């Protein structure tokens, strides 16, 4: 597991990290990557809400609300956080969660 610190661009309101694929957007890539295990907020790592939503999808309990809430919670965590916890130790890069 590795920690990828955020690079914030306040003018463009972008948050990026250095991934095996290069510099990628946290909001559009990490949020939906299989390797993303959570967001580091202060000293604590909060698990990725999309992973919890994926478990609900596999159990057949999914609705549009669950997916939307997971995305909004992830965005809130990124706003308050400082890094992504990434399980891509092999250097594969982005792998779609869904």
Protein backbone atom coordinates (compact mmCIF):
# COMPACT_ATOMS: atom_id res chain seq x y z
CA UNK A 1 0.00 0.00 0.00
CA UNK A 2 1.32 3.41 -0.88
CA UNK A 3 0.26 6.93 -0.06
CA UNK A 4 -0.14 9.35 -2.98
CA UNK A 5 -0.17 12.98 -1.79
CA UNK A 6 -2.58 15.44 -3.41
CA UNK A 7 -1.43 18.19 -5.78
CA UNK A 8 -4.01 20.97 -5.52
CA UNK A 9 -4.57 23.58 -8.24
CA UNK A 10 -6.87 26.14 -6.62
CA UNK A 11 -7.34 28.16 -9.84
CA UNK A 12 -8.75 25.21 -11.79
CA UNK A 13 -10.20 23.53 -8.69
CA UNK A 14 -8.34 20.30 -9.55
CA UNK A 15 -6.81 17.72 -7.29
CA UNK A 16 -4.34 15.30 -8.86
CA UNK A 17 -1.95 12.54 -7.78
CA UNK A 18 1.07 10.91 -9.39
CA UNK A 19 -0.16 7.50 -10.57
CA UNK A 20 1.54 4.83 -12.67
CA UNK A 21 -0.42 6.36 -15.59
CA UNK A 22 1.08 9.80 -14.86
CA UNK A 23 -0.60 12.71 -13.13
CA UNK A 24 -4.33 11.90 -12.91
CA UNK A 25 -7.41 13.58 -11.47
CA UNK A 26 -8.50 12.24 -8.10
CA UNK A 27 -12.15 13.05 -8.84
CA UNK A 28 -12.43 11.23 -12.17
CA UNK A 29 -9.79 8.48 -11.94
CA UNK A 30 -9.00 7.55 -8.33
CA UNK A 31 -12.65 7.69 -7.34
CA UNK A 32 -13.43 4.84 -9.73
CA UNK A 33 -10.16 2.86 -9.52
CA UNK A 34 -9.98 -0.62 -8.03
CA UNK A 35 -6.69 0.23 -6.31
CA UNK A 36 -8.08 3.20 -4.34
CA UNK A 37 -8.54 2.03 -0.76
CA UNK A 38 -9.28 5.32 0.94
CA UNK A 39 -8.60 8.99 1.53
CA UNK A 40 -6.21 10.18 4.21
CA UNK A 41 -7.84 12.91 6.29
CA UNK A 42 -5.44 14.21 8.94
CA UNK A 43 -4.02 11.08 10.62
CA UNK A 44 -6.85 8.74 9.68
CA UNK A 45 -7.61 6.84 6.47
CA UNK A 46 -11.30 6.72 5.57
CA UNK A 47 -12.22 3.78 3.30
CA UNK A 48 -13.38 4.62 -0.21
CA UNK A 49 -17.18 5.00 -0.31
CA UNK A 50 -17.21 3.58 -3.84
CA UNK A 51 -15.85 0.26 -2.50
CA UNK A 52 -18.79 0.06 -0.10
CA UNK A 53 -21.19 0.86 -2.95
CA UNK A 54 -19.58 -1.90 -5.03
CA UNK A 55 -20.27 -4.40 -2.23
CA UNK A 56 -23.92 -3.32 -2.28
CA UNK A 57 -24.03 -3.75 -6.06
CA UNK A 58 -22.71 -7.29 -5.74
CA UNK A 59 -25.33 -8.08 -3.10
CA UNK A 60 -28.10 -6.76 -5.35
CA UNK A 61 -28.92 -3.79 -3.12
CA UNK A 62 -28.13 -0.89 -5.37
CA UNK A 63 -29.92 2.24 -6.32
CA UNK A 64 -28.94 5.47 -7.97
CA UNK A 65 -28.98 7.10 -4.54
CA UNK A 66 -26.28 4.79 -3.19
CA UNK A 67 -23.95 5.57 -6.08
CA UNK A 68 -24.63 9.31 -5.92
CA UNK A 69 -24.09 9.43 -2.16
CA UNK A 70 -20.81 7.50 -2.50
CA UNK A 71 -19.56 9.98 -5.11
CA UNK A 72 -20.54 13.01 -3.00
CA UNK A 73 -18.94 11.54 0.13
CA UNK A 74 -15.72 10.82 -1.80
CA UNK A 75 -15.62 14.43 -3.03
CA UNK A 76 -16.08 15.68 0.55
CA UNK A 77 -13.26 13.44 1.77
CA UNK A 78 -10.95 14.72 -0.96
CA UNK A 79 -11.80 18.32 -0.07
CA UNK A 80 -10.75 17.70 3.54
CA UNK A 81 -8.00 15.15 2.86
CA UNK A 82 -4.34 15.20 1.97
CA UNK A 83 -3.63 11.91 0.15
CA UNK A 84 -4.98 8.72 -1.44
CA UNK A 85 -4.17 5.27 -0.09
CA UNK A 86 -3.40 3.20 -3.19
CA UNK A 87 -2.97 -0.59 -3.33
CA UNK A 88 -1.28 -0.53 -6.77
CA UNK A 89 2.07 -1.90 -5.64
CA UNK A 90 2.60 -3.60 -9.02
CA UNK A 91 2.36 -0.29 -10.93
CA UNK A 92 -0.58 -1.28 -13.15
CA UNK A 93 -2.21 2.12 -13.09
CA UNK A 94 -5.93 2.79 -13.40
CA UNK A 95 -8.17 -0.29 -13.23
CA UNK A 96 -11.90 0.33 -13.42
CA UNK A 97 -13.81 -0.39 -10.23
CA UNK A 98 -17.03 -1.25 -12.03
